[in-house]
Amino acid sequence: PDNLRLVGISGSVLSLAGCIAKEPTLKGLMRLEGQALSRTDVKNEVARLSQIPTSRRIYGDVLPAGRADVVVAGVRIVQAVLQHLNKADVWLSARGVRYGLLLQMLATNDEGGR
């Protein structure tokens, strides 16, 4: 449906948000709760991360060594979902599925939905 809002949680989405916002700490990402990552920003970050050697992708605790080798695949999945569903952005939730669902419900209510 057109009113579907994507909410990204955990893993690749948090790493992506940290890199885009230049925020190296998970604690710092909390201030971005409910913010949107645009499809353009996601595309640009996929391109940037793809060009960086794995050992240089490490960025604070939002992109630790254990995720540096898989982050490009993860953010490409985010990019593919945005493209497939023809969505302009994905909302960030650092708090989990239930919180993301709550954000979606509140946004639907703000837009006059049910």
Protein backbone atom coordinates (compact mmCIF):
# COMPACT_ATOMS: atom_id res chain seq x y z
CA PRO A 1 0.00 0.00 0.00
CA ASP A 2 1.02 3.58 -0.61
CA ASN A 3 0.82 4.48 3.06
CA LEU A 4 3.33 1.78 4.03
CA ARG A 5 6.18 3.28 5.98
CA LEU A 6 9.41 1.33 6.24
CA VAL A 7 11.03 1.19 9.66
CA GLY A 8 14.56 -0.15 9.83
CA ILE A 9 15.94 -1.63 13.02
CA SER A 10 19.23 -2.96 14.25
CA GLY A 11 22.23 -4.29 12.33
CA SER A 12 22.78 -2.85 8.90
CA VAL A 13 20.28 -0.03 9.31
CA LEU A 14 22.01 1.27 12.43
CA SER A 15 25.43 0.94 10.79
CA LEU A 16 24.09 2.77 7.75
CA ALA A 17 22.57 5.55 9.85
CA GLY A 18 25.76 5.99 11.85
CA CYS A 19 27.85 6.30 8.71
CA ILE A 20 25.44 8.71 7.00
CA ALA A 21 25.03 10.89 10.11
CA LYS A 22 28.73 10.62 10.96
CA GLU A 23 27.76 9.32 14.41
CA PRO A 24 30.16 6.59 15.57
CA THR A 25 28.31 5.58 18.75
CA LEU A 26 25.13 3.59 19.21
CA LYS A 27 24.26 5.87 22.12
CA GLY A 28 24.56 8.88 19.79
CA LEU A 29 22.22 7.22 17.31
CA MET A 30 19.42 7.45 19.86
CA ARG A 31 19.05 11.14 18.94
CA LEU A 32 18.22 10.01 15.39
CA GLU A 33 15.31 7.85 16.53
CA GLY A 34 12.41 8.27 14.10
CA GLN A 35 14.48 10.12 11.49
CA ALA A 36 14.31 9.06 7.86
CA LEU A 37 17.22 7.82 5.77
CA SER A 38 16.55 8.84 2.20
CA ARG A 39 16.90 6.44 -0.71
CA THR A 40 19.49 8.82 -2.16
CA ASP A 41 21.55 8.78 1.04
CA VAL A 42 21.34 4.99 1.15
CA LYS A 43 22.46 4.74 -2.49
CA ASN A 44 25.39 7.10 -1.88
CA GLU A 45 26.49 5.23 1.24
CA VAL A 46 26.32 1.87 -0.55
CA ALA A 47 28.61 3.28 -3.23
CA ARG A 48 31.00 4.75 -0.64
CA LEU A 49 31.20 1.63 1.53
CA SER A 50 31.67 -0.58 -1.52
CA GLN A 51 34.84 1.30 -2.40
CA ILE A 52 36.41 1.08 1.06
CA PRO A 53 38.52 -1.95 2.02
CA THR A 54 36.90 -4.02 4.77
CA SER A 55 39.54 -3.11 7.34
CA ARG A 56 38.84 0.60 6.84
CA ARG A 57 35.03 0.33 7.15
CA ILE A 58 35.19 0.01 10.94
CA TYR A 59 33.49 3.07 12.49
CA GLY A 60 33.10 3.25 16.25
CA ASP A 61 30.58 0.84 17.66
CA VAL A 62 28.02 1.43 14.88
CA LEU A 63 30.21 -0.48 12.45
CA PRO A 64 32.48 -2.80 14.45
CA ALA A 65 35.07 -5.16 12.99
CA GLY A 66 32.61 -8.07 13.16
CA ARG A 67 30.19 -6.30 10.79
CA ALA A 68 32.68 -4.64 8.44
CA ASP A 69 32.72 -7.60 6.06
CA VAL A 70 28.92 -7.94 5.79
CA VAL A 71 27.71 -4.34 5.99
CA VAL A 72 27.76 -3.74 2.23
CA ALA A 73 25.48 -6.73 1.65
CA GLY A 74 23.17 -5.52 4.41
CA VAL A 75 22.87 -1.97 3.10
CA ARG A 76 22.36 -3.27 -0.43
CA ILE A 77 19.36 -5.19 0.90
CA VAL A 78 18.01 -1.95 2.41
CA GLN A 79 18.57 -0.24 -0.94
CA ALA A 80 16.84 -3.06 -2.84
CA VAL A 81 13.81 -2.99 -0.53
CA LEU A 82 13.47 0.78 -0.98
CA GLN A 83 13.67 0.38 -4.76
CA HIS A 84 11.34 -2.63 -4.92
CA LEU A 85 8.66 -0.93 -2.84
CA ASN A 86 9.33 2.43 -4.52
CA LYS A 87 9.80 4.17 -1.19
CA ALA A 88 11.69 7.43 -0.72
CA ASP A 89 13.01 6.61 2.73
CA VAL A 90 13.31 4.24 5.65
CA TRP A 91 12.76 5.38 9.24
CA LEU A 92 15.38 4.57 11.83
CA SER A 93 14.52 2.79 15.06
CA ALA A 94 17.36 1.94 17.40
CA ARG A 95 14.88 0.53 19.89
CA GLY A 96 13.48 -2.57 18.18
CA VAL A 97 10.46 -3.89 16.34
CA ARG A 98 7.75 -2.86 18.80
CA TYR A 99 9.02 0.70 19.00
CA GLY A 100 9.21 0.87 15.21
CA LEU A 101 5.64 -0.36 14.94
CA LEU A 102 4.57 2.31 17.41
CA LEU A 103 6.30 4.98 15.31
CA GLN A 104 4.50 3.70 12.24
CA MET A 105 1.14 3.74 14.00
CA LEU A 106 1.70 7.29 15.25
CA ALA A 107 2.70 8.48 11.78
CA THR A 108 -0.42 6.89 10.28
CA ASN A 109 -2.55 8.69 12.86
CA ASP A 110 -0.80 12.01 12.12
CA GLU A 111 -1.63 11.57 8.45
CA GLY A 112 -5.32 11.10 9.21
CA GLY A 113 -5.22 7.31 9.01
CA ARG A 114 -6.55 4.80 11.44
